[in-house]
Amino acid sequence: MKITKSDGTVEEFSKEKLEASLRRSGAASDAAVNIAEDVARGTREGATTHDVYRRAFALLREHRRTAAARYSLKRAVLEFGPSGFPFESYLAEIFRAEGFDASTDRHIRGRCVEHEVDVVLSGRGEEIYVEAKFHNTAGFKTDLQVAMYVQARVEDIAARLAGGEAGGVPLIRGMLVTNTKFTSLAIEYAECQKLEMLSWDYPAGRTLHDRIEAAKVYPITALSTLSRGEKASLMTDQVVLCRDLTRHEDALARAGVRGNRLSEVLVESGGLCDISGVSAPPALPE
């Protein structure tokens, strides 16, 4: 049967692809098969990928909460928009986990003009100037014009440094990052120019999704034990990462998360980030 993707294109529904996605999220093999079969039985011609996701997520949440959280990761990042939390600040945390020094909202002088750079990475004898393009709609793609702009900006900065205005010049390169996808022309141009690009599904084997998983820098918006309002409250308090929740029980209390619910949230976040020493929640009263 045909289903409609978030960008409006149509593809064949693949039960095997859904199974693989569920297993990557941490579902047991038999559970992944059963959930995929259940979703396939309930999916009709003309359904959307969001319909498929919503049903699979609900079933996966009953099986294993941490797997559901990982399965919802793409949509969890999309929630940064309404929350008002800067996408570039989240990227900085990922890069720090990879060993870079990272700073945000920098103003860097080029040979011709000054540039506002979302994230500047330093380390390994290089500096990387990152342009972060956040979209709160999964179907939106970052296009060729943005890639050309980033390349021109890096060339302008590199030209100033090459002119001798700064001593000990590091290797300079640019990076364009989006939480959704790139157009094919943007990718073609970047590969020709050797401009590094990072999106939810590019480059293969080193995608944004892959790097979040490797660094275990999971946002609280992925947690199934928190309501949308509770997540928004925590974001307002600048509590964004699951790994930080144990240090911010005061912010959780302001969000209304207390008692048994607090234990449930901490167990889910601890399991997601592999944090040891978090005990199971006490049983609820009959």
C-alpha atoms as a PDB file:
ATOM      1  CA  MET A   1       0.000   0.000   0.000  1.00  0.00           C
ATOM      2  CA  LYS A   2       1.064   3.616  -0.485  1.00  0.00           C
ATOM      3  CA  ILE A   3       1.632   6.007   2.397  1.00  0.00           C
ATOM      4  CA  THR A   4       2.377   9.741   2.332  1.00  0.00           C
ATOM      5  CA  LYS A   5       5.623  11.072   3.811  1.00  0.00           C
ATOM      6  CA  SER A   6       5.968  14.360   5.705  1.00  0.00           C
ATOM      7  CA  ASP A   7       7.334  16.136   2.602  1.00  0.00           C
ATOM      8  CA  GLY A   8       4.281  15.137   0.569  1.00  0.00           C
ATOM      9  CA  THR A   9       5.919  12.386  -1.467  1.00  0.00           C
ATOM     10  CA  VAL A  10       4.435   8.897  -1.579  1.00  0.00           C
ATOM     11  CA  GLU A  11       6.196   5.607  -0.871  1.00  0.00           C
ATOM     12  CA  GLU A  12       5.329   1.948  -0.370  1.00  0.00           C
ATOM     13  CA  PHE A  13       4.660   0.957   3.219  1.00  0.00           C
ATOM     14  CA  SER A  14       7.396  -1.442   4.333  1.00  0.00           C
ATOM     15  CA  LYS A  15       6.783  -3.654   7.327  1.00  0.00           C
ATOM     16  CA  GLU A  16      10.437  -4.748   7.211  1.00  0.00           C
ATOM     17  CA  LYS A  17      11.648  -1.131   7.356  1.00  0.00           C
ATOM     18  CA  LEU A  18       9.384  -0.480  10.352  1.00  0.00           C
ATOM     19  CA  GLU A  19      10.678  -3.602  12.115  1.00  0.00           C
ATOM     20  CA  ALA A  20      14.281  -2.484  11.597  1.00  0.00           C
ATOM     21  CA  SER A  21      13.487   0.975  12.989  1.00  0.00           C
ATOM     22  CA  LEU A  22      11.861  -0.536  16.071  1.00  0.00           C
ATOM     23  CA  ARG A  23      14.825  -2.833  16.690  1.00  0.00           C
ATOM     24  CA  ARG A  24      17.282   0.066  16.354  1.00  0.00           C
ATOM     25  CA  SER A  25      15.277   1.853  19.041  1.00  0.00           C
ATOM     26  CA  GLY A  26      15.825  -1.022  21.445  1.00  0.00           C
ATOM     27  CA  ALA A  27      12.729  -3.185  20.962  1.00  0.00           C
ATOM     28  CA  ALA A  28      13.208  -6.923  21.320  1.00  0.00           C
ATOM     29  CA  SER A  29      13.085  -8.760  17.978  1.00  0.00           C
ATOM     30  CA  ASP A  30       9.809 -10.535  18.701  1.00  0.00           C
ATOM     31  CA  ALA A  31       8.223  -7.295  19.919  1.00  0.00           C
ATOM     32  CA  ALA A  32       9.395  -5.461  16.791  1.00  0.00           C
ATOM     33  CA  VAL A  33       7.794  -8.147  14.591  1.00  0.00           C
ATOM     34  CA  ASN A  34       4.518  -8.106  16.528  1.00  0.00           C
ATOM     35  CA  ILE A  35       4.272  -4.307  16.577  1.00  0.00           C
ATOM     36  CA  ALA A  36       5.042  -4.039  12.856  1.00  0.00           C
ATOM     37  CA  GLU A  37       2.394  -6.652  12.061  1.00  0.00           C
ATOM     38  CA  ASP A  38      -0.175  -4.833  14.215  1.00  0.00           C
ATOM     39  CA  VAL A  39       0.624  -1.511  12.497  1.00  0.00           C
ATOM     40  CA  ALA A  40       0.455  -3.136   9.055  1.00  0.00           C
ATOM     41  CA  ARG A  41      -2.988  -4.595   9.781  1.00  0.00           C
ATOM     42  CA  GLY A  42      -4.300  -1.203  10.852  1.00  0.00           C
ATOM     43  CA  THR A  43      -2.750   0.862   8.047  1.00  0.00           C
ATOM     44  CA  ARG A  44      -4.857   1.720   5.009  1.00  0.00           C
ATOM     45  CA  GLU A  45      -4.037   3.162   1.598  1.00  0.00           C
ATOM     46  CA  GLY A  46      -3.449   6.907   1.861  1.00  0.00           C
ATOM     47  CA  ALA A  47      -2.289   6.856   5.479  1.00  0.00           C
ATOM     48  CA  THR A  48       0.625   9.112   6.440  1.00  0.00           C
ATOM     49  CA  THR A  49       3.974   8.258   7.966  1.00  0.00           C
ATOM     50  CA  HIS A  50       2.775  10.147  11.045  1.00  0.00           C
ATOM     51  CA  ASP A  51      -0.175   7.742  11.338  1.00  0.00           C
ATOM     52  CA  VAL A  52       2.274   4.832  11.206  1.00  0.00           C
ATOM     53  CA  TYR A  53       4.574   6.461  13.742  1.00  0.00           C
ATOM     54  CA  ARG A  54       1.771   7.288  16.177  1.00  0.00           C
ATOM     55  CA  ARG A  55       0.478   3.695  16.259  1.00  0.00           C
ATOM     56  CA  ALA A  56       3.957   2.154  16.465  1.00  0.00           C
ATOM     57  CA  PHE A  57       4.969   4.566  19.231  1.00  0.00           C
ATOM     58  CA  ALA A  58       1.893   3.745  21.330  1.00  0.00           C
ATOM     59  CA  LEU A  59       2.572   0.006  21.080  1.00  0.00           C
ATOM     60  CA  LEU A  60       6.301   0.409  21.674  1.00  0.00           C
ATOM     61  CA  ARG A  61       5.624   2.531  24.766  1.00  0.00           C
ATOM     62  CA  GLU A  62       3.659  -0.377  26.255  1.00  0.00           C
ATOM     63  CA  HIS A  63       6.590  -2.708  25.516  1.00  0.00           C
ATOM     64  CA  ARG A  64       9.554  -0.573  26.628  1.00  0.00           C
ATOM     65  CA  ARG A  65       9.499   3.130  27.498  1.00  0.00           C
ATOM     66  CA  THR A  66      13.166   3.779  26.746  1.00  0.00           C
ATOM     67  CA  ALA A  67      12.770   2.222  23.295  1.00  0.00           C
ATOM     68  CA  ALA A  68       9.746   4.454  22.679  1.00  0.00           C
ATOM     69  CA  ALA A  69      11.794   7.479  23.713  1.00  0.00           C
ATOM     70  CA  ARG A  70      14.540   6.607  21.235  1.00  0.00           C
ATOM     71  CA  TYR A  71      11.962   5.893  18.530  1.00  0.00           C
ATOM     72  CA  SER A  72      10.487   9.378  19.045  1.00  0.00           C
ATOM     73  CA  LEU A  73      13.854  11.147  18.871  1.00  0.00           C
ATOM     74  CA  LYS A  74      13.290  12.953  15.576  1.00  0.00           C
ATOM     75  CA  ARG A  75       9.987  14.393  16.768  1.00  0.00           C
ATOM     76  CA  ALA A  76      11.552  15.198  20.134  1.00  0.00           C
ATOM     77  CA  VAL A  77      14.046  17.492  18.407  1.00  0.00           C
ATOM     78  CA  LEU A  78      11.228  19.069  16.387  1.00  0.00           C
ATOM     79  CA  GLU A  79       9.698  20.146  19.718  1.00  0.00           C
ATOM     80  CA  PHE A  80      12.559  22.581  20.306  1.00  0.00           C
ATOM     81  CA  GLY A  81      10.674  25.100  18.157  1.00  0.00           C
ATOM     82  CA  PRO A  82       7.582  25.598  20.337  1.00  0.00           C
ATOM     83  CA  SER A  83       9.729  25.340  23.471  1.00  0.00           C
ATOM     84  CA  GLY A  84      11.920  28.218  22.398  1.00  0.00           C
ATOM     85  CA  PHE A  85      15.106  26.291  23.181  1.00  0.00           C
ATOM     86  CA  PRO A  86      17.820  27.078  20.629  1.00  0.00           C
ATOM     87  CA  PHE A  87      18.728  24.201  18.335  1.00  0.00           C
ATOM     88  CA  GLU A  88      22.307  25.496  18.195  1.00  0.00           C
ATOM     89  CA  SER A  89      22.642  25.086  21.991  1.00  0.00           C
ATOM     90  CA  TYR A  90      21.599  21.449  21.659  1.00  0.00           C
ATOM     91  CA  LEU A  91      24.134  20.926  18.853  1.00  0.00           C
ATOM     92  CA  ALA A  92      26.838  22.444  21.040  1.00  0.00           C
ATOM     93  CA  GLU A  93      26.117  19.797  23.689  1.00  0.00           C
ATOM     94  CA  ILE A  94      26.460  17.011  21.113  1.00  0.00           C
ATOM     95  CA  PHE A  95      29.781  18.377  19.867  1.00  0.00           C
ATOM     96  CA  ARG A  96      31.087  18.806  23.423  1.00  0.00           C
ATOM     97  CA  ALA A  97      30.296  15.150  24.046  1.00  0.00           C
ATOM     98  CA  GLU A  98      32.447  14.386  20.986  1.00  0.00           C
ATOM     99  CA  GLY A  99      35.405  16.242  22.509  1.00  0.00           C
ATOM    100  CA  PHE A 100      35.128  19.710  20.943  1.00  0.00           C
ATOM    101  CA  ASP A 101      35.125  23.046  22.698  1.00  0.00           C
ATOM    102  CA  ALA A 102      31.868  24.625  21.535  1.00  0.00           C
ATOM    103  CA  SER A 103      30.509  28.154  21.862  1.00  0.00           C
ATOM    104  CA  THR A 104      27.303  29.616  20.442  1.00  0.00           C
ATOM    105  CA  ASP A 105      26.186  32.911  18.903  1.00  0.00           C
ATOM    106  CA  ARG A 106      29.649  34.164  18.002  1.00  0.00           C
ATOM    107  CA  HIS A 107      30.527  37.170  15.844  1.00  0.00           C
ATOM    108  CA  ILE A 108      33.522  36.399  13.629  1.00  0.00           C
ATOM    109  CA  ARG A 109      35.176  38.961  11.377  1.00  0.00           C
ATOM    110  CA  GLY A 110      35.827  37.950   7.790  1.00  0.00           C
ATOM    111  CA  ARG A 111      37.939  39.774   5.245  1.00  0.00           C
ATOM    112  CA  CYS A 112      34.897  41.683   3.978  1.00  0.00           C
ATOM    113  CA  VAL A 113      32.223  41.624   6.692  1.00  0.00           C
ATOM    114  CA  GLU A 114      31.467  40.359  10.192  1.00  0.00           C
ATOM    115  CA  HIS A 115      29.530  37.084  10.414  1.00  0.00           C
ATOM    116  CA  GLU A 116      27.173  35.806  13.096  1.00  0.00           C
ATOM    117  CA  VAL A 117      28.043  32.141  13.564  1.00  0.00           C
ATOM    118  CA  ASP A 118      25.624  29.798  15.342  1.00  0.00           C
ATOM    119  CA  VAL A 119      28.250  27.412  16.761  1.00  0.00           C
ATOM    120  CA  VAL A 120      32.044  27.607  16.708  1.00  0.00           C
ATOM    121  CA  LEU A 121      33.916  24.353  17.368  1.00  0.00           C
ATOM    122  CA  SER A 122      37.572  24.242  18.367  1.00  0.00           C
ATOM    123  CA  GLY A 123      39.836  21.246  18.796  1.00  0.00           C
ATOM    124  CA  ARG A 124      42.056  18.797  16.944  1.00  0.00           C
ATOM    125  CA  GLY A 125      43.936  21.692  15.380  1.00  0.00           C
ATOM    126  CA  GLU A 126      40.917  23.116  13.578  1.00  0.00           C
ATOM    127  CA  GLU A 127      38.016  25.506  13.886  1.00  0.00           C
ATOM    128  CA  ILE A 128      34.614  24.640  12.473  1.00  0.00           C
ATOM    129  CA  TYR A 129      31.976  27.298  11.826  1.00  0.00           C
ATOM    130  CA  VAL A 130      28.521  25.742  12.097  1.00  0.00           C
ATOM    131  CA  GLU A 131      25.322  27.093  10.593  1.00  0.00           C
ATOM    132  CA  ALA A 132      22.310  25.509  12.337  1.00  0.00           C
ATOM    133  CA  LYS A 133      19.057  25.363  10.375  1.00  0.00           C
ATOM    134  CA  PHE A 134      16.164  24.307  12.579  1.00  0.00           C
ATOM    135  CA  HIS A 135      12.762  23.383  11.148  1.00  0.00           C
ATOM    136  CA  ASN A 136       9.732  22.414  13.226  1.00  0.00           C
ATOM    137  CA  THR A 137       8.139  20.637  10.262  1.00  0.00           C
ATOM    138  CA  ALA A 138       9.637  17.282   9.319  1.00  0.00           C
ATOM    139  CA  GLY A 139       8.979  17.737   5.595  1.00  0.00           C
ATOM    140  CA  PHE A 140      10.972  20.974   5.260  1.00  0.00           C
ATOM    141  CA  LYS A 141      14.357  20.696   3.495  1.00  0.00           C
ATOM    142  CA  THR A 142      17.414  22.971   3.624  1.00  0.00           C
ATOM    143  CA  ASP A 143      18.290  23.997   0.081  1.00  0.00           C
ATOM    144  CA  LEU A 144      21.187  24.918  -2.202  1.00  0.00           C
ATOM    145  CA  GLN A 145      21.091  28.654  -1.397  1.00  0.00           C
ATOM    146  CA  VAL A 146      21.810  27.983   2.277  1.00  0.00           C
ATOM    147  CA  ALA A 147      24.749  25.711   1.437  1.00  0.00           C
ATOM    148  CA  MET A 148      26.182  28.368  -0.906  1.00  0.00           C
ATOM    149  CA  TYR A 149      25.828  31.027   1.801  1.00  0.00           C
ATOM    150  CA  VAL A 150      27.668  28.910   4.375  1.00  0.00           C
ATOM    151  CA  GLN A 151      30.494  28.186   1.937  1.00  0.00           C
ATOM    152  CA  ALA A 152      30.883  31.877   1.076  1.00  0.00           C
ATOM    153  CA  ARG A 153      30.960  32.829   4.745  1.00  0.00           C
ATOM    154  CA  VAL A 154      33.681  30.307   5.573  1.00  0.00           C
ATOM    155  CA  GLU A 155      35.745  31.459   2.612  1.00  0.00           C
ATOM    156  CA  ASP A 156      35.486  35.078   3.823  1.00  0.00           C
ATOM    157  CA  ILE A 157      36.606  34.145   7.360  1.00  0.00           C
ATOM    158  CA  ALA A 158      39.423  31.970   6.035  1.00  0.00           C
ATOM    159  CA  ALA A 159      40.585  34.815   3.775  1.00  0.00           C
ATOM    160  CA  ARG A 160      41.018  37.143   6.752  1.00  0.00           C
ATOM    161  CA  LEU A 161      42.947  34.558   8.741  1.00  0.00           C
ATOM    162  CA  ALA A 162      45.158  33.743   5.757  1.00  0.00           C
ATOM    163  CA  GLY A 163      45.958  37.463   5.514  1.00  0.00           C
ATOM    164  CA  GLY A 164      48.002  37.254   8.697  1.00  0.00           C
ATOM    165  CA  GLU A 165      45.629  39.076  11.046  1.00  0.00           C
ATOM    166  CA  ALA A 166      45.647  36.137  13.448  1.00  0.00           C
ATOM    167  CA  GLY A 167      48.679  34.118  14.477  1.00  0.00           C
ATOM    168  CA  GLY A 168      48.806  30.325  14.566  1.00  0.00           C
ATOM    169  CA  VAL A 169      46.037  29.898  12.009  1.00  0.00           C
ATOM    170  CA  PRO A 170      44.119  26.626  12.533  1.00  0.00           C
ATOM    171  CA  LEU A 171      42.510  24.581   9.801  1.00  0.00           C
ATOM    172  CA  ILE A 172      39.239  26.339   8.930  1.00  0.00           C
ATOM    173  CA  ARG A 173      36.139  24.611   7.645  1.00  0.00           C
ATOM    174  CA  GLY A 174      32.405  25.064   7.617  1.00  0.00           C
ATOM    175  CA  MET A 175      29.499  22.837   8.524  1.00  0.00           C
ATOM    176  CA  LEU A 176      25.793  23.070   7.762  1.00  0.00           C
ATOM    177  CA  VAL A 177      23.476  21.204  10.136  1.00  0.00           C
ATOM    178  CA  THR A 178      19.715  20.718   9.980  1.00  0.00           C
ATOM    179  CA  ASN A 179      17.336  18.588  12.019  1.00  0.00           C
ATOM    180  CA  THR A 180      15.408  17.563   8.898  1.00  0.00           C
ATOM    181  CA  LYS A 181      16.857  16.930   5.402  1.00  0.00           C
ATOM    182  CA  PHE A 182      18.772  18.570   2.553  1.00  0.00           C
ATOM    183  CA  THR A 183      17.708  18.898  -1.067  1.00  0.00           C
ATOM    184  CA  SER A 184      19.672  16.820  -3.560  1.00  0.00           C
ATOM    185  CA  LEU A 185      21.184  19.986  -5.092  1.00  0.00           C
ATOM    186  CA  ALA A 186      22.436  21.150  -1.691  1.00  0.00           C
ATOM    187  CA  ILE A 187      24.156  17.798  -1.183  1.00  0.00           C
ATOM    188  CA  GLU A 188      25.637  17.830  -4.694  1.00  0.00           C
ATOM    189  CA  TYR A 189      27.068  21.326  -4.171  1.00  0.00           C
ATOM    190  CA  ALA A 190      28.443  20.521  -0.698  1.00  0.00           C
ATOM    191  CA  GLU A 191      30.177  17.367  -1.896  1.00  0.00           C
ATOM    192  CA  CYS A 192      31.810  19.329  -4.723  1.00  0.00           C
ATOM    193  CA  GLN A 193      32.946  22.110  -2.358  1.00  0.00           C
ATOM    194  CA  LYS A 194      33.975  19.707   0.446  1.00  0.00           C
ATOM    195  CA  LEU A 195      31.503  21.464   2.751  1.00  0.00           C
ATOM    196  CA  GLU A 196      30.545  19.231   5.660  1.00  0.00           C
ATOM    197  CA  MET A 197      26.798  18.689   5.994  1.00  0.00           C
ATOM    198  CA  LEU A 198      24.847  16.964   8.712  1.00  0.00           C
ATOM    199  CA  SER A 199      21.137  16.161   8.725  1.00  0.00           C
ATOM    200  CA  TRP A 200      18.824  13.592  10.211  1.00  0.00           C
ATOM    201  CA  ASP A 201      19.670  11.108   7.447  1.00  0.00           C
ATOM    202  CA  TYR A 202      22.967  12.405   5.995  1.00  0.00           C
ATOM    203  CA  PRO A 203      25.761  11.365   5.641  1.00  0.00           C
ATOM    204  CA  ALA A 204      25.158   7.630   5.784  1.00  0.00           C
ATOM    205  CA  GLY A 205      26.573   6.090   8.943  1.00  0.00           C
ATOM    206  CA  ARG A 206      27.335   9.473  10.510  1.00  0.00           C
ATOM    207  CA  THR A 207      23.945  11.194  10.561  1.00  0.00           C
ATOM    208  CA  LEU A 208      22.683  13.593  13.216  1.00  0.00           C
ATOM    209  CA  HIS A 209      20.576  10.733  14.537  1.00  0.00           C
ATOM    210  CA  ASP A 210      23.664   8.495  14.745  1.00  0.00           C
ATOM    211  CA  ARG A 211      25.684  11.143  16.573  1.00  0.00           C
ATOM    212  CA  ILE A 212      22.942  11.811  19.127  1.00  0.00           C
ATOM    213  CA  GLU A 213      22.739   8.086  19.835  1.00  0.00           C
ATOM    214  CA  ALA A 214      26.527   7.734  20.116  1.00  0.00           C
ATOM    215  CA  ALA A 215      26.847  10.727  22.456  1.00  0.00           C
ATOM    216  CA  LYS A 216      23.670   9.803  24.401  1.00  0.00           C
ATOM    217  CA  VAL A 217      22.694  13.468  24.412  1.00  0.00           C
ATOM    218  CA  TYR A 218      18.953  12.855  24.579  1.00  0.00           C
ATOM    219  CA  PRO A 219      16.519  15.763  24.997  1.00  0.00           C
ATOM    220  CA  ILE A 220      13.832  15.655  27.671  1.00  0.00           C
ATOM    221  CA  THR A 221      11.262  16.042  24.884  1.00  0.00           C
ATOM    222  CA  ALA A 222      11.893  12.364  24.074  1.00  0.00           C
ATOM    223  CA  LEU A 223      10.574  11.181  27.438  1.00  0.00           C
ATOM    224  CA  SER A 224       7.169   9.520  27.317  1.00  0.00           C
ATOM    225  CA  THR A 225       6.643   9.993  31.065  1.00  0.00           C
ATOM    226  CA  LEU A 226       6.521  13.798  30.744  1.00  0.00           C
ATOM    227  CA  SER A 227       3.530  15.749  29.420  1.00  0.00           C
ATOM    228  CA  ARG A 228       3.956  18.499  26.841  1.00  0.00           C
ATOM    229  CA  GLY A 229       3.318  21.135  29.525  1.00  0.00           C
ATOM    230  CA  GLU A 230       5.911  19.632  31.863  1.00  0.00           C
ATOM    231  CA  LYS A 231       8.487  19.582  29.079  1.00  0.00           C
ATOM    232  CA  ALA A 232       7.781  23.223  28.280  1.00  0.00           C
ATOM    233  CA  SER A 233       8.203  24.171  31.935  1.00  0.00           C
ATOM    234  CA  LEU A 234      11.553  22.387  32.151  1.00  0.00           C
ATOM    235  CA  MET A 235      12.721  24.036  28.920  1.00  0.00           C
ATOM    236  CA  THR A 236      11.841  27.413  30.398  1.00  0.00           C
ATOM    237  CA  ASP A 237      14.157  26.532  33.292  1.00  0.00           C
ATOM    238  CA  GLN A 238      16.849  25.620  30.718  1.00  0.00           C
ATOM    239  CA  VAL A 239      16.699  21.955  31.700  1.00  0.00           C
ATOM    240  CA  VAL A 240      16.977  20.284  28.323  1.00  0.00           C
ATOM    241  CA  LEU A 241      18.977  17.055  28.556  1.00  0.00           C
ATOM    242  CA  CYS A 242      17.788  13.823  30.139  1.00  0.00           C
ATOM    243  CA  ARG A 243      21.174  13.313  31.779  1.00  0.00           C
ATOM    244  CA  ASP A 244      20.705  16.552  33.762  1.00  0.00           C
ATOM    245  CA  LEU A 245      17.346  15.730  35.343  1.00  0.00           C
ATOM    246  CA  THR A 246      18.777  14.168  38.497  1.00  0.00           C
ATOM    247  CA  ARG A 247      20.470  17.511  39.250  1.00  0.00           C
ATOM    248  CA  HIS A 248      17.296  19.531  38.767  1.00  0.00           C
ATOM    249  CA  GLU A 249      14.588  18.067  40.983  1.00  0.00           C
ATOM    250  CA  ASP A 250      13.671  21.645  41.914  1.00  0.00           C
ATOM    251  CA  ALA A 251      12.804  22.377  38.264  1.00  0.00           C
ATOM    252  CA  LEU A 252      10.877  19.108  38.072  1.00  0.00           C
ATOM    253  CA  ALA A 253       8.903  20.146  41.164  1.00  0.00           C
ATOM    254  CA  ARG A 254       8.084  23.516  39.571  1.00  0.00           C
ATOM    255  CA  ALA A 255       6.838  21.582  36.536  1.00  0.00           C
ATOM    256  CA  GLY A 256       4.560  19.575  38.846  1.00  0.00           C
ATOM    257  CA  VAL A 257       6.569  16.332  38.696  1.00  0.00           C
ATOM    258  CA  ARG A 258       6.686  14.850  42.196  1.00  0.00           C
ATOM    259  CA  GLY A 259       6.333  11.591  44.114  1.00  0.00           C
ATOM    260  CA  ASN A 260       5.776   8.448  42.056  1.00  0.00           C
ATOM    261  CA  ARG A 261       5.797  10.456  38.828  1.00  0.00           C
ATOM    262  CA  LEU A 262       9.222  11.859  39.674  1.00  0.00           C
ATOM    263  CA  SER A 263      10.560   8.335  40.151  1.00  0.00           C
ATOM    264  CA  GLU A 264       9.068   7.206  36.845  1.00  0.00           C
ATOM    265  CA  VAL A 265      10.621  10.132  34.970  1.00  0.00           C
ATOM    266  CA  LEU A 266      14.057   9.579  36.524  1.00  0.00           C
ATOM    267  CA  VAL A 267      13.963   5.857  35.775  1.00  0.00           C
ATOM    268  CA  GLU A 268      13.064   6.470  32.140  1.00  0.00           C
ATOM    269  CA  SER A 269      15.727   9.162  31.703  1.00  0.00           C
ATOM    270  CA  GLY A 270      18.294   7.015  33.517  1.00  0.00           C
ATOM    271  CA  GLY A 271      17.555   4.047  31.299  1.00  0.00           C
ATOM    272  CA  LEU A 272      17.723   6.172  28.167  1.00  0.00           C
ATOM    273  CA  CYS A 273      21.126   7.627  29.079  1.00  0.00           C
ATOM    274  CA  ASP A 274      22.446   4.454  30.761  1.00  0.00           C
ATOM    275  CA  ILE A 275      22.711   6.235  34.094  1.00  0.00           C
ATOM    276  CA  SER A 276      23.339   3.721  36.861  1.00  0.00           C
ATOM    277  CA  GLY A 277      22.028   3.963  40.365  1.00  0.00           C
ATOM    278  CA  VAL A 278      18.493   5.029  39.504  1.00  0.00           C
ATOM    279  CA  SER A 279      16.021   2.809  41.339  1.00  0.00           C
ATOM    280  CA  ALA A 280      12.700   1.591  40.052  1.00  0.00           C
ATOM    281  CA  PRO A 281       9.656   3.644  41.025  1.00  0.00           C
ATOM    282  CA  PRO A 282       7.717   2.499  44.067  1.00  0.00           C
ATOM    283  CA  ALA A 283       4.506   0.641  43.415  1.00  0.00           C
ATOM    284  CA  LEU A 284       1.410   2.791  43.204  1.00  0.00           C
ATOM    285  CA  PRO A 285      -1.193   2.240  45.935  1.00  0.00           C
ATOM    286  CA  GLU A 286      -4.077  -0.040  45.039  1.00  0.00           C
END
